[in-house]
PDB file of N, CA and C in Angstrom:
ATOM      1  N   MET A   1       8.876   1.419  29.071  1.00  0.00           N
ATOM      2  CA  MET A   1       9.103  -0.445  28.658  1.00  0.00           C
ATOM      3  C   MET A   1       8.343  -1.037  27.659  1.00  0.00           C
ATOM      4  N   LEU A   2       9.153  -1.734  27.072  1.00  0.00           N
ATOM      5  CA  LEU A   2       8.588  -2.465  25.920  1.00  0.00           C
ATOM      6  C   LEU A   2       7.526  -3.701  26.281  1.00  0.00           C
ATOM      7  N   PRO A   3       6.392  -4.119  25.504  1.00  0.00           N
ATOM      8  CA  PRO A   3       5.993  -5.088  25.841  1.00  0.00           C
ATOM      9  C   PRO A   3       6.629  -6.624  25.974  1.00  0.00           C
ATOM     10  N   ALA A   4       6.372  -7.674  26.817  1.00  0.00           N
ATOM     11  CA  ALA A   4       7.426  -8.903  27.088  1.00  0.00           C
ATOM     12  C   ALA A   4       7.632  -9.570  25.693  1.00  0.00           C
ATOM     13  N   ASP A   5       6.371  -9.439  24.603  1.00  0.00           N
ATOM     14  CA  ASP A   5       6.347 -10.201  23.311  1.00  0.00           C
ATOM     15  C   ASP A   5       7.246  -9.513  22.334  1.00  0.00           C
ATOM     16  N   GLY A   6       7.724  -8.258  22.827  1.00  0.00           N
ATOM     17  CA  GLY A   6       8.950  -7.233  21.849  1.00  0.00           C
ATOM     18  C   GLY A   6       8.219  -6.804  21.046  1.00  0.00           C
ATOM     19  N   ALA A   7       6.675  -6.751  21.333  1.00  0.00           N
ATOM     20  CA  ALA A   7       5.604  -5.709  20.436  1.00  0.00           C
ATOM     21  C   ALA A   7       6.543  -4.354  20.408  1.00  0.00           C
ATOM     22  N   ARG A   8       5.796  -3.571  18.934  1.00  0.00           N
ATOM     23  CA  ARG A   8       6.260  -2.049  19.552  1.00  0.00           C
ATOM     24  C   ARG A   8       5.163  -1.330  19.138  1.00  0.00           C
ATOM     25  N   LEU A   9       5.728   0.267  19.537  1.00  0.00           N
ATOM     26  CA  LEU A   9       4.185   0.756  19.713  1.00  0.00           C
ATOM     27  C   LEU A   9       4.518   1.542  17.512  1.00  0.00           C
ATOM     28  N   GLN A  10       3.473   1.717  17.315  1.00  0.00           N
ATOM     29  CA  GLN A  10       3.372   2.446  16.274  1.00  0.00           C
ATOM     30  C   GLN A  10       2.664   3.857  16.186  1.00  0.00           C
ATOM     31  N   ALA A  11       3.142   4.508  15.556  1.00  0.00           N
ATOM     32  CA  ALA A  11       2.518   5.738  15.530  1.00  0.00           C
ATOM     33  C   ALA A  11       2.163   5.887  14.034  1.00  0.00           C
ATOM     34  N   TYR A  12       0.830   6.632  14.929  1.00  0.00           N
ATOM     35  CA  TYR A  12      -0.085   7.341  13.498  1.00  0.00           C
ATOM     36  C   TYR A  12      -0.402   8.711  13.318  1.00  0.00           C
ATOM     37  N   ARG A  13      -0.484   9.079  12.311  1.00  0.00           N
ATOM     38  CA  ARG A  13      -0.610  10.344  11.364  1.00  0.00           C
ATOM     39  C   ARG A  13      -1.983  10.276  10.794  1.00  0.00           C
ATOM     40  N   GLY A  14      -2.937  11.429  11.692  1.00  0.00           N
ATOM     41  CA  GLY A  14      -4.139  11.218  11.481  1.00  0.00           C
ATOM     42  C   GLY A  14      -4.682  12.299  10.384  1.00  0.00           C
ATOM     43  N   GLY A  15      -5.030  13.499  11.030  1.00  0.00           N
ATOM     44  CA  GLY A  15      -5.644  14.775  10.486  1.00  0.00           C
ATOM     45  C   GLY A  15      -5.071  15.665   9.253  1.00  0.00           C
ATOM     46  N   ARG A  16      -5.883  16.565   9.187  1.00  0.00           N
ATOM     47  CA  ARG A  16      -4.666  17.635   8.060  1.00  0.00           C
ATOM     48  C   ARG A  16      -3.813  18.103   8.821  1.00  0.00           C
ATOM     49  N   ASP A  17      -4.139  18.527   9.969  1.00  0.00           N
ATOM     50  CA  ASP A  17      -2.424  18.311  10.785  1.00  0.00           C
ATOM     51  C   ASP A  17      -1.815  17.417  11.161  1.00  0.00           C
ATOM     52  N   GLY A  18      -1.679  16.534  10.757  1.00  0.00           N
ATOM     53  CA  GLY A  18      -1.148  15.127  10.467  1.00  0.00           C
ATOM     54  C   GLY A  18      -1.166  14.329  12.562  1.00  0.00           C
ATOM     55  N   ARG A  19      -3.140  14.808  13.004  1.00  0.00           N
ATOM     56  CA  ARG A  19      -3.712  14.643  14.201  1.00  0.00           C
ATOM     57  C   ARG A  19      -4.737  13.050  14.257  1.00  0.00           C
ATOM     58  N   LEU A  20      -5.083  12.189  15.345  1.00  0.00           N
ATOM     59  CA  LEU A  20      -6.404  11.552  14.718  1.00  0.00           C
ATOM     60  C   LEU A  20      -7.356  12.553  15.157  1.00  0.00           C
ATOM     61  N   LEU A  21      -8.673  12.420  14.247  1.00  0.00           N
ATOM     62  CA  LEU A  21      -9.350  12.385  14.491  1.00  0.00           C
ATOM     63  C   LEU A  21     -10.290  12.398  15.658  1.00  0.00           C
ATOM     64  N   THR A  22     -11.706  12.927  16.018  1.00  0.00           N
ATOM     65  CA  THR A  22     -11.874  12.564  17.320  1.00  0.00           C
ATOM     66  C   THR A  22     -13.565  11.905  17.009  1.00  0.00           C
ATOM     67  N   VAL A  23     -13.822  11.231  17.416  1.00  0.00           N
ATOM     68  CA  VAL A  23     -15.136  10.452  17.237  1.00  0.00           C
ATOM     69  C   VAL A  23     -16.587  11.810  16.841  1.00  0.00           C
ATOM     70  N   ALA A  24     -16.195  13.054  17.394  1.00  0.00           N
ATOM     71  CA  ALA A  24     -17.049  14.387  17.484  1.00  0.00           C
ATOM     72  C   ALA A  24     -16.538  14.761  16.130  1.00  0.00           C
ATOM     73  N   GLU A  25     -15.102  14.699  15.732  1.00  0.00           N
ATOM     74  CA  GLU A  25     -15.018  15.567  14.591  1.00  0.00           C
ATOM     75  C   GLU A  25     -15.510  14.696  13.244  1.00  0.00           C
ATOM     76  N   VAL A  26     -15.538  13.460  12.960  1.00  0.00           N
ATOM     77  CA  VAL A  26     -15.776  11.999  12.474  1.00  0.00           C
ATOM     78  C   VAL A  26     -17.534  12.340  12.290  1.00  0.00           C
ATOM     79  N   ALA A  27     -17.843  12.961  13.234  1.00  0.00           N
ATOM     80  CA  ALA A  27     -19.667  12.552  13.375  1.00  0.00           C
ATOM     81  C   ALA A  27     -19.706  13.993  12.681  1.00  0.00           C
ATOM     82  N   GLN A  28     -18.872  14.695  13.102  1.00  0.00           N
ATOM     83  CA  GLN A  28     -19.390  16.098  12.386  1.00  0.00           C
ATOM     84  C   GLN A  28     -19.481  15.976  10.663  1.00  0.00           C
ATOM     85  N   GLU A  29     -18.106  15.647  10.264  1.00  0.00           N
ATOM     86  CA  GLU A  29     -18.100  15.304   8.764  1.00  0.00           C
ATOM     87  C   GLU A  29     -19.203  14.560   8.098  1.00  0.00           C
ATOM     88  N   LEU A  30     -19.536  13.319   8.527  1.00  0.00           N
ATOM     89  CA  LEU A  30     -20.673  12.849   8.296  1.00  0.00           C
ATOM     90  C   LEU A  30     -21.473  13.433   8.229  1.00  0.00           C
ATOM     91  N   ALA A  31     -22.123  13.983   9.081  1.00  0.00           N
ATOM     92  CA  ALA A  31     -23.498  14.304   9.534  1.00  0.00           C
ATOM     93  C   ALA A  31     -23.864  13.425  10.104  1.00  0.00           C
ATOM     94  N   VAL A  32     -23.512  12.885  11.111  1.00  0.00           N
ATOM     95  CA  VAL A  32     -24.444  11.980  11.807  1.00  0.00           C
ATOM     96  C   VAL A  32     -23.954  12.019  13.562  1.00  0.00           C
ATOM     97  N   CYS A  33     -24.419  11.702  14.444  1.00  0.00           N
ATOM     98  CA  CYS A  33     -24.580  11.894  15.744  1.00  0.00           C
ATOM     99  C   CYS A  33     -23.122  10.865  16.377  1.00  0.00           C
ATOM    100  N   THR A  34     -22.243  10.797  17.174  1.00  0.00           N
ATOM    101  CA  THR A  34     -21.341   9.749  17.574  1.00  0.00           C
ATOM    102  C   THR A  34     -21.655   8.869  17.977  1.00  0.00           C
ATOM    103  N   ALA A  35     -22.784   8.563  18.522  1.00  0.00           N
ATOM    104  CA  ALA A  35     -23.571   7.105  18.097  1.00  0.00           C
ATOM    105  C   ALA A  35     -23.404   6.226  17.227  1.00  0.00           C
ATOM    106  N   THR A  36     -23.320   6.984  16.139  1.00  0.00           N
ATOM    107  CA  THR A  36     -23.214   5.931  15.002  1.00  0.00           C
ATOM    108  C   THR A  36     -22.116   5.889  14.413  1.00  0.00           C
ATOM    109  N   VAL A  37     -21.042   6.974  15.132  1.00  0.00           N
ATOM    110  CA  VAL A  37     -19.165   6.893  14.665  1.00  0.00           C
ATOM    111  C   VAL A  37     -19.261   5.318  15.091  1.00  0.00           C
ATOM    112  N   TYR A  38     -19.339   5.071  16.703  1.00  0.00           N
ATOM    113  CA  TYR A  38     -19.247   4.215  17.427  1.00  0.00           C
ATOM    114  C   TYR A  38     -19.310   3.418  16.945  1.00  0.00           C
ATOM    115  N   LYS A  39     -20.639   3.231  16.656  1.00  0.00           N
ATOM    116  CA  LYS A  39     -21.713   1.554  15.838  1.00  0.00           C
ATOM    117  C   LYS A  39     -20.671   1.050  14.114  1.00  0.00           C
ATOM    118  N   LEU A  40     -20.132   2.819  13.830  1.00  0.00           N
ATOM    119  CA  LEU A  40     -19.452   2.307  12.594  1.00  0.00           C
ATOM    120  C   LEU A  40     -18.020   1.693  12.856  1.00  0.00           C
ATOM    121  N   VAL A  41     -17.083   1.731  14.038  1.00  0.00           N
ATOM    122  CA  VAL A  41     -16.534   1.258  14.171  1.00  0.00           C
ATOM    123  C   VAL A  41     -16.723   0.157  15.306  1.00  0.00           C
ATOM    124  N   ALA A  42     -17.437  -0.328  15.818  1.00  0.00           N
ATOM    125  CA  ALA A  42     -17.638  -1.582  16.381  1.00  0.00           C
ATOM    126  C   ALA A  42     -18.077  -2.525  15.370  1.00  0.00           C
ATOM    127  N   ARG A  43     -18.398  -2.219  14.300  1.00  0.00           N
ATOM    128  CA  ARG A  43     -18.893  -3.409  13.151  1.00  0.00           C
ATOM    129  C   ARG A  43     -17.790  -3.397  12.193  1.00  0.00           C
ATOM    130  N   GLY A  44     -17.095  -2.551  12.167  1.00  0.00           N
ATOM    131  CA  GLY A  44     -15.816  -3.050  11.216  1.00  0.00           C
ATOM    132  C   GLY A  44     -15.642  -2.216  10.510  1.00  0.00           C
ATOM    133  N   GLU A  45     -17.011  -1.389  10.223  1.00  0.00           N
ATOM    134  CA  GLU A  45     -16.913  -0.546   8.504  1.00  0.00           C
ATOM    135  C   GLU A  45     -16.401   0.498   8.452  1.00  0.00           C
ATOM    136  N   LEU A  46     -15.531   1.085  10.085  1.00  0.00           N
ATOM    137  CA  LEU A  46     -14.587   2.092   9.628  1.00  0.00           C
ATOM    138  C   LEU A  46     -13.076   2.045  10.886  1.00  0.00           C
ATOM    139  N   GLY A  47     -12.295   2.204  10.065  1.00  0.00           N
ATOM    140  CA  GLY A  47     -11.321   1.662  10.893  1.00  0.00           C
ATOM    141  C   GLY A  47     -10.936   2.951  12.033  1.00  0.00           C
ATOM    142  N   ALA A  48     -10.669   2.310  12.883  1.00  0.00           N
ATOM    143  CA  ALA A  48      -9.857   3.138  14.052  1.00  0.00           C
ATOM    144  C   ALA A  48      -9.104   2.735  15.261  1.00  0.00           C
ATOM    145  N   VAL A  49      -8.115   3.974  16.010  1.00  0.00           N
ATOM    146  CA  VAL A  49      -7.352   3.183  16.900  1.00  0.00           C
ATOM    147  C   VAL A  49      -8.509   3.674  17.940  1.00  0.00           C
ATOM    148  N   ARG A  50      -7.280   3.120  19.129  1.00  0.00           N
ATOM    149  CA  ARG A  50      -7.806   3.263  20.617  1.00  0.00           C
ATOM    150  C   ARG A  50      -6.878   3.830  21.472  1.00  0.00           C
ATOM    151  N   VAL A  51      -6.442   4.920  21.769  1.00  0.00           N
ATOM    152  CA  VAL A  51      -5.575   5.202  22.600  1.00  0.00           C
ATOM    153  C   VAL A  51      -6.559   6.032  24.017  1.00  0.00           C
ATOM    154  N   LEU A  52      -5.675   5.132  24.868  1.00  0.00           N
ATOM    155  CA  LEU A  52      -5.828   4.825  26.150  1.00  0.00           C
ATOM    156  C   LEU A  52      -7.938   4.516  26.216  1.00  0.00           C
ATOM    157  N   ASN A  53      -8.530   5.507  26.380  1.00  0.00           N
ATOM    158  CA  ASN A  53      -9.867   5.261  26.478  1.00  0.00           C
ATOM    159  C   ASN A  53     -10.772   5.722  25.861  1.00  0.00           C
ATOM    160  N   ALA A  54      -9.584   6.443  24.358  1.00  0.00           N
ATOM    161  CA  ALA A  54     -10.792   6.724  23.290  1.00  0.00           C
ATOM    162  C   ALA A  54     -10.044   6.120  21.722  1.00  0.00           C
ATOM    163  N   ILE A  55     -11.488   6.565  21.423  1.00  0.00           N
ATOM    164  CA  ILE A  55     -11.516   6.319  19.676  1.00  0.00           C
ATOM    165  C   ILE A  55     -11.208   7.076  18.998  1.00  0.00           C
ATOM    166  N   ARG A  56      -9.979   6.946  17.972  1.00  0.00           N
ATOM    167  CA  ARG A  56      -9.552   7.863  16.795  1.00  0.00           C
ATOM    168  C   ARG A  56      -9.627   7.278  15.491  1.00  0.00           C
ATOM    169  N   VAL A  57      -9.407   8.157  14.800  1.00  0.00           N
ATOM    170  CA  VAL A  57      -9.972   7.689  13.173  1.00  0.00           C
ATOM    171  C   VAL A  57      -8.992   8.516  12.615  1.00  0.00           C
ATOM    172  N   ARG A  58      -7.881   7.892  12.070  1.00  0.00           N
ATOM    173  CA  ARG A  58      -7.126   8.542  11.152  1.00  0.00           C
ATOM    174  C   ARG A  58      -7.714   8.899   9.776  1.00  0.00           C
ATOM    175  N   ARG A  59      -7.379  10.028   9.506  1.00  0.00           N
ATOM    176  CA  ARG A  59      -7.670  10.321   8.084  1.00  0.00           C
ATOM    177  C   ARG A  59      -7.975   9.804   6.929  1.00  0.00           C
ATOM    178  N   GLU A  60      -7.235   8.581   6.565  1.00  0.00           N
ATOM    179  CA  GLU A  60      -7.057   8.120   5.227  1.00  0.00           C
ATOM    180  C   GLU A  60      -8.236   6.909   5.856  1.00  0.00           C
ATOM    181  N   ASP A  61      -8.644   6.689   6.851  1.00  0.00           N
ATOM    182  CA  ASP A  61      -9.653   5.458   7.471  1.00  0.00           C
ATOM    183  C   ASP A  61     -11.118   6.219   6.905  1.00  0.00           C
ATOM    184  N   LEU A  62     -10.893   7.576   7.277  1.00  0.00           N
ATOM    185  CA  LEU A  62     -12.312   8.128   6.755  1.00  0.00           C
ATOM    186  C   LEU A  62     -12.173   8.221   5.402  1.00  0.00           C
ATOM    187  N   ASN A  63     -11.505   8.515   4.663  1.00  0.00           N
ATOM    188  CA  ASN A  63     -11.754   8.918   3.351  1.00  0.00           C
ATOM    189  C   ASN A  63     -11.676   7.648   2.927  1.00  0.00           C
ATOM    190  N   THR A  64     -10.916   6.380   3.077  1.00  0.00           N
ATOM    191  CA  THR A  64     -11.788   4.960   2.311  1.00  0.00           C
ATOM    192  C   THR A  64     -12.771   4.758   2.801  1.00  0.00           C
ATOM    193  N   TYR A  65     -13.594   5.168   3.853  1.00  0.00           N
ATOM    194  CA  TYR A  65     -14.805   4.911   4.487  1.00  0.00           C
ATOM    195  C   TYR A  65     -15.979   5.335   3.439  1.00  0.00           C
ATOM    196  N   THR A  66     -15.465   7.102   3.374  1.00  0.00           N
ATOM    197  CA  THR A  66     -16.437   7.707   2.036  1.00  0.00           C
ATOM    198  C   THR A  66     -16.213   7.600   1.133  1.00  0.00           C
ATOM    199  N   ALA A  67     -14.980   6.801   0.786  1.00  0.00           N
ATOM    200  CA  ALA A  67     -15.062   5.995  -1.097  1.00  0.00           C
ATOM    201  C   ALA A  67     -15.811   5.298  -1.577  1.00  0.00           C
ATOM    202  N   LYS A  68     -15.974   4.261  -0.478  1.00  0.00           N
ATOM    203  CA  LYS A  68     -17.085   3.179  -0.437  1.00  0.00           C
ATOM    204  C   LYS A  68     -18.020   3.584  -1.103  1.00  0.00           C
ATOM    205  N   GLY A  69     -18.571   4.594  -0.694  1.00  0.00           N
ATOM    206  CA  GLY A  69     -20.052   4.984  -0.827  1.00  0.00           C
ATOM    207  C   GLY A  69     -21.062   4.842   0.036  1.00  0.00           C
ATOM    208  N   ARG A  70     -20.545   4.365   1.385  1.00  0.00           N
ATOM    209  CA  ARG A  70     -21.535   3.549   2.607  1.00  0.00           C
ATOM    210  C   ARG A  70     -22.440   4.191   2.564  1.00  0.00           C
ATOM    211  N   SER A  71     -23.391   4.094   2.939  1.00  0.00           N
ATOM    212  CA  SER A  71     -24.868   4.261   3.606  1.00  0.00           C
ATOM    213  C   SER A  71     -25.440   3.685   4.030  1.00  0.00           C
ATOM    214  N   GLY A  72     -26.948   4.025   4.770  1.00  0.00           N
ATOM    215  CA  GLY A  72     -27.699   3.252   6.001  1.00  0.00           C
ATOM    216  C   GLY A  72     -26.961   4.028   6.812  1.00  0.00           C
ATOM    217  N   PHE A  73     -26.501   4.835   7.701  1.00  0.00           N
ATOM    218  CA  PHE A  73     -26.696   4.881   9.021  1.00  0.00           C
ATOM    219  C   PHE A  73     -27.146   4.492   9.586  1.00  0.00           C
TER     220      PHE A  73
END
């Protein structure tokens, strides 16, 4: 069933094997805690998508974030 406004769902491909990364996986790669990842997403510094009640990060968004050389977690 499509939304009333005709919007379509968009498919995302994320991790190395085409899946989206979990917050725990992102935290491990950045060497920070999961709370820090949630804060980065909330501040809009790290792109993410919400899948039901979970936050997932595309590999491209993580690469963009790290390429900017962000610090000050």
